[in-house]
C-alpha atoms as a PDB file:
ATOM      1  CA  MET A   1       5.611  -3.306  -9.948  1.00  0.00           C
ATOM      2  CA  ILE A   2       5.072  -2.060  -6.408  1.00  0.00           C
ATOM      3  CA  ILE A   3       1.805  -2.893  -4.661  1.00  0.00           C
ATOM      4  CA  LEU A   4       0.744  -0.405  -1.981  1.00  0.00           C
ATOM      5  CA  ASP A   5      -0.915  -1.633   1.204  1.00  0.00           C
ATOM      6  CA  THR A   6      -3.645   0.334   2.967  1.00  0.00           C
ATOM      7  CA  ASN A   7      -1.468   1.489   5.843  1.00  0.00           C
ATOM      8  CA  ILE A   8       1.333   2.799   3.613  1.00  0.00           C
ATOM      9  CA  LEU A   9      -1.166   4.964   1.735  1.00  0.00           C
ATOM     10  CA  ILE A  10      -2.482   6.392   5.002  1.00  0.00           C
ATOM     11  CA  ASP A  11       1.048   6.891   6.381  1.00  0.00           C
ATOM     12  CA  ILE A  12       2.195   8.667   3.199  1.00  0.00           C
ATOM     13  CA  LEU A  13      -0.498  11.239   3.852  1.00  0.00           C
ATOM     14  CA  ARG A  14      -0.044  11.293   7.640  1.00  0.00           C
ATOM     15  CA  TYR A  15       3.690  12.047   7.320  1.00  0.00           C
ATOM     16  CA  LYS A  16       3.288  14.249   4.200  1.00  0.00           C
ATOM     17  CA  ILE A  17       5.613  12.141   2.050  1.00  0.00           C
ATOM     18  CA  ASP A  18       5.596  12.605  -1.718  1.00  0.00           C
ATOM     19  CA  ILE A  19       4.241   9.360  -3.163  1.00  0.00           C
ATOM     20  CA  ASP A  20       6.248   9.955  -6.340  1.00  0.00           C
ATOM     21  CA  GLU A  21       9.413   9.187  -4.341  1.00  0.00           C
ATOM     22  CA  ILE A  22       8.359   5.532  -4.308  1.00  0.00           C
ATOM     23  CA  ARG A  23       8.614   5.538  -8.111  1.00  0.00           C
ATOM     24  CA  GLU A  24      12.425   5.598  -7.706  1.00  0.00           C
ATOM     25  CA  PHE A  25      12.179   1.863  -7.033  1.00  0.00           C
ATOM     26  CA  ASP A  26       9.750   1.065  -9.881  1.00  0.00           C
ATOM     27  CA  ASN A  27       7.711   3.424 -12.012  1.00  0.00           C
ATOM     28  CA  GLU A  28       4.650   1.172 -11.917  1.00  0.00           C
ATOM     29  CA  ILE A  29       2.653   1.291  -8.681  1.00  0.00           C
ATOM     30  CA  ALA A  30      -0.705  -0.302  -7.961  1.00  0.00           C
ATOM     31  CA  VAL A  31      -3.207  -1.214  -5.270  1.00  0.00           C
ATOM     32  CA  LEU A  32      -5.381  -4.283  -4.984  1.00  0.00           C
ATOM     33  CA  SER A  33      -9.121  -3.691  -5.260  1.00  0.00           C
ATOM     34  CA  VAL A  34      -9.504  -5.012  -1.693  1.00  0.00           C
ATOM     35  CA  THR A  35      -7.160  -2.242  -0.538  1.00  0.00           C
ATOM     36  CA  GLU A  36      -9.431   0.283  -2.206  1.00  0.00           C
ATOM     37  CA  ASP A  37     -12.394  -1.393  -0.460  1.00  0.00           C
ATOM     38  CA  GLU A  38     -10.603  -1.148   2.914  1.00  0.00           C
ATOM     39  CA  LEU A  39      -9.994   2.562   2.361  1.00  0.00           C
ATOM     40  CA  LYS A  40     -13.659   3.096   1.519  1.00  0.00           C
ATOM     41  CA  LYS A  41     -14.682   1.262   4.696  1.00  0.00           C
ATOM     42  CA  ILE A  42     -12.268   3.284   6.867  1.00  0.00           C
ATOM     43  CA  SER A  43     -13.366   6.546   5.215  1.00  0.00           C
ATOM     44  CA  LYS A  44     -16.926   6.112   6.516  1.00  0.00           C
ATOM     45  CA  LYS A  45     -15.838   6.336  10.155  1.00  0.00           C
ATOM     46  CA  HIS A  46     -15.438   9.541  12.154  1.00  0.00           C
ATOM     47  CA  THR A  47     -11.715   9.390  12.887  1.00  0.00           C
ATOM     48  CA  LYS A  48      -8.522  11.051  11.708  1.00  0.00           C
ATOM     49  CA  ASP A  49      -7.717   7.884   9.743  1.00  0.00           C
ATOM     50  CA  ALA A  50     -11.077   8.274   7.982  1.00  0.00           C
ATOM     51  CA  THR A  51      -9.994  11.651   6.668  1.00  0.00           C
ATOM     52  CA  LEU A  52      -6.673  10.184   5.564  1.00  0.00           C
ATOM     53  CA  ALA A  53      -8.468   7.255   3.902  1.00  0.00           C
ATOM     54  CA  ARG A  54     -10.635   9.667   1.894  1.00  0.00           C
ATOM     55  CA  LEU A  55      -7.492  11.531   0.840  1.00  0.00           C
ATOM     56  CA  ALA A  56      -5.822   8.212  -0.073  1.00  0.00           C
ATOM     57  CA  LEU A  57      -8.733   7.369  -2.369  1.00  0.00           C
ATOM     58  CA  LYS A  58      -8.304  10.758  -4.060  1.00  0.00           C
ATOM     59  CA  LEU A  59      -4.562  10.160  -4.293  1.00  0.00           C
ATOM     60  CA  ILE A  60      -5.122   6.843  -6.080  1.00  0.00           C
ATOM     61  CA  LYS A  61      -7.347   8.583  -8.596  1.00  0.00           C
ATOM     62  CA  ASN A  62      -5.223  11.726  -9.056  1.00  0.00           C
ATOM     63  CA  LYS A  63      -1.926   9.848  -9.431  1.00  0.00           C
ATOM     64  CA  ASN A  64      -3.503   7.280 -11.797  1.00  0.00           C
ATOM     65  CA  ILE A  65      -2.470   4.399  -9.568  1.00  0.00           C
ATOM     66  CA  LYS A  66      -3.519   1.150 -11.160  1.00  0.00           C
ATOM     67  CA  ILE A  67      -6.204  -0.852  -9.341  1.00  0.00           C
ATOM     68  CA  LEU A  68      -5.737  -4.617  -9.645  1.00  0.00           C
ATOM     69  CA  LYS A  69      -9.030  -6.511  -9.432  1.00  0.00           C
ATOM     70  CA  THR A  70      -8.964  -9.238  -6.806  1.00  0.00           C
ATOM     71  CA  LYS A  71     -11.373 -11.448  -4.936  1.00  0.00           C
ATOM     72  CA  LYS A  72     -12.978 -10.256  -1.699  1.00  0.00           C
ATOM     73  CA  GLU A  73     -10.635 -12.074   0.656  1.00  0.00           C
ATOM     74  CA  TYR A  74      -8.227 -11.243   3.451  1.00  0.00           C
ATOM     75  CA  THR A  75      -6.066  -8.389   2.121  1.00  0.00           C
ATOM     76  CA  ASP A  76      -2.728  -9.553   3.551  1.00  0.00           C
ATOM     77  CA  ARG A  77      -3.194 -13.026   2.032  1.00  0.00           C
ATOM     78  CA  LEU A  78      -4.009 -11.513  -1.356  1.00  0.00           C
ATOM     79  CA  LEU A  79      -0.978  -9.199  -1.179  1.00  0.00           C
ATOM     80  CA  LEU A  80       1.275 -12.145  -0.403  1.00  0.00           C
ATOM     81  CA  ASP A  81      -0.196 -14.355  -3.130  1.00  0.00           C
ATOM     82  CA  TYR A  82      -0.175 -11.633  -5.780  1.00  0.00           C
ATOM     83  CA  ALA A  83       3.388 -10.569  -4.963  1.00  0.00           C
ATOM     84  CA  LYS A  84       4.633 -14.181  -5.078  1.00  0.00           C
ATOM     85  CA  LEU A  85       2.888 -14.952  -8.346  1.00  0.00           C
ATOM     86  CA  ASN A  86       3.904 -11.740 -10.110  1.00  0.00           C
ATOM     87  CA  ARG A  87       7.262 -11.056  -8.395  1.00  0.00           C
ATOM     88  CA  CYS A  88       6.164  -7.682  -7.092  1.00  0.00           C
ATOM     89  CA  VAL A  89       7.479  -5.536  -4.300  1.00  0.00           C
ATOM     90  CA  VAL A  90       4.994  -4.725  -1.516  1.00  0.00           C
ATOM     91  CA  ALA A  91       4.989  -1.318   0.182  1.00  0.00           C
ATOM     92  CA  THR A  92       3.696  -1.647   3.744  1.00  0.00           C
ATOM     93  CA  ASN A  93       4.403  -0.623   7.328  1.00  0.00           C
ATOM     94  CA  ASP A  94       2.455  -3.550   8.808  1.00  0.00           C
ATOM     95  CA  ARG A  95       5.004  -5.428  10.955  1.00  0.00           C
ATOM     96  CA  LYS A  96       3.185  -8.749  10.835  1.00  0.00           C
ATOM     97  CA  LEU A  97       2.820  -8.566   7.049  1.00  0.00           C
ATOM     98  CA  ILE A  98       6.467  -7.524   6.646  1.00  0.00           C
ATOM     99  CA  LYS A  99       7.574 -10.600   8.580  1.00  0.00           C
ATOM    100  CA  THR A 100       5.393 -12.870   6.406  1.00  0.00           C
ATOM    101  CA  LEU A 101       6.595 -11.248   3.179  1.00  0.00           C
ATOM    102  CA  LYS A 102      10.252 -11.575   4.182  1.00  0.00           C
ATOM    103  CA  MET A 103       9.745 -15.256   5.092  1.00  0.00           C
ATOM    104  CA  ASN A 104       8.445 -15.746   1.540  1.00  0.00           C
ATOM    105  CA  GLY A 105      11.356 -13.918  -0.084  1.00  0.00           C
ATOM    106  CA  ILE A 106       9.298 -10.915  -1.189  1.00  0.00           C
ATOM    107  CA  LYS A 107      10.963  -7.502  -1.207  1.00  0.00           C
ATOM    108  CA  ILE A 108       9.277  -4.762   0.767  1.00  0.00           C
ATOM    109  CA  ILE A 109       9.327  -0.999   0.864  1.00  0.00           C
ATOM    110  CA  ARG A 110       8.511   0.766   4.090  1.00  0.00           C
ATOM    111  CA  ILE A 111       8.655   4.224   5.573  1.00  0.00           C
ATOM    112  CA  ARG A 112      11.550   4.985   7.903  1.00  0.00           C
ATOM    113  CA  GLN A 113      11.853   7.939  10.237  1.00  0.00           C
ATOM    114  CA  LYS A 114       8.480   9.231   8.987  1.00  0.00           C
ATOM    115  CA  LYS A 115      10.078  10.643   5.863  1.00  0.00           C
ATOM    116  CA  ILE A 116      11.843   8.190   3.556  1.00  0.00           C
ATOM    117  CA  PHE A 117      11.144   4.959   1.736  1.00  0.00           C
ATOM    118  CA  VAL A 118      13.486   2.030   2.306  1.00  0.00           C
ATOM    119  CA  LEU A 119      13.703  -1.118   0.154  1.00  0.00           C
ATOM    120  CA  GLU A 120      14.436  -4.311   2.089  1.00  0.00           C
END
């Protein structure tokens, strides 16, 4: 299973990347409920990211992306803990989170050159 972070969802839309390309790595993709909450919070602002967050919420619904119920805690911590416990891959472009995930032996997927997904 691949767990999508908030920023990867926004970047997929920003760079007009087909989210189905990520399914090459694993057909099952999901988001944590706190990620959905973050998108809802961002979507209420008056910024370009707010528009992308609203589109990301629609994308989750339209692509039937599974939402994994989690506690209301720090998203990065939950991503790390869930990925460790369930041996998941995390899709993110957050440099700090990538470093933490790699230190914990968790595989990551990120966007390179604004157009492709790379598994590390």
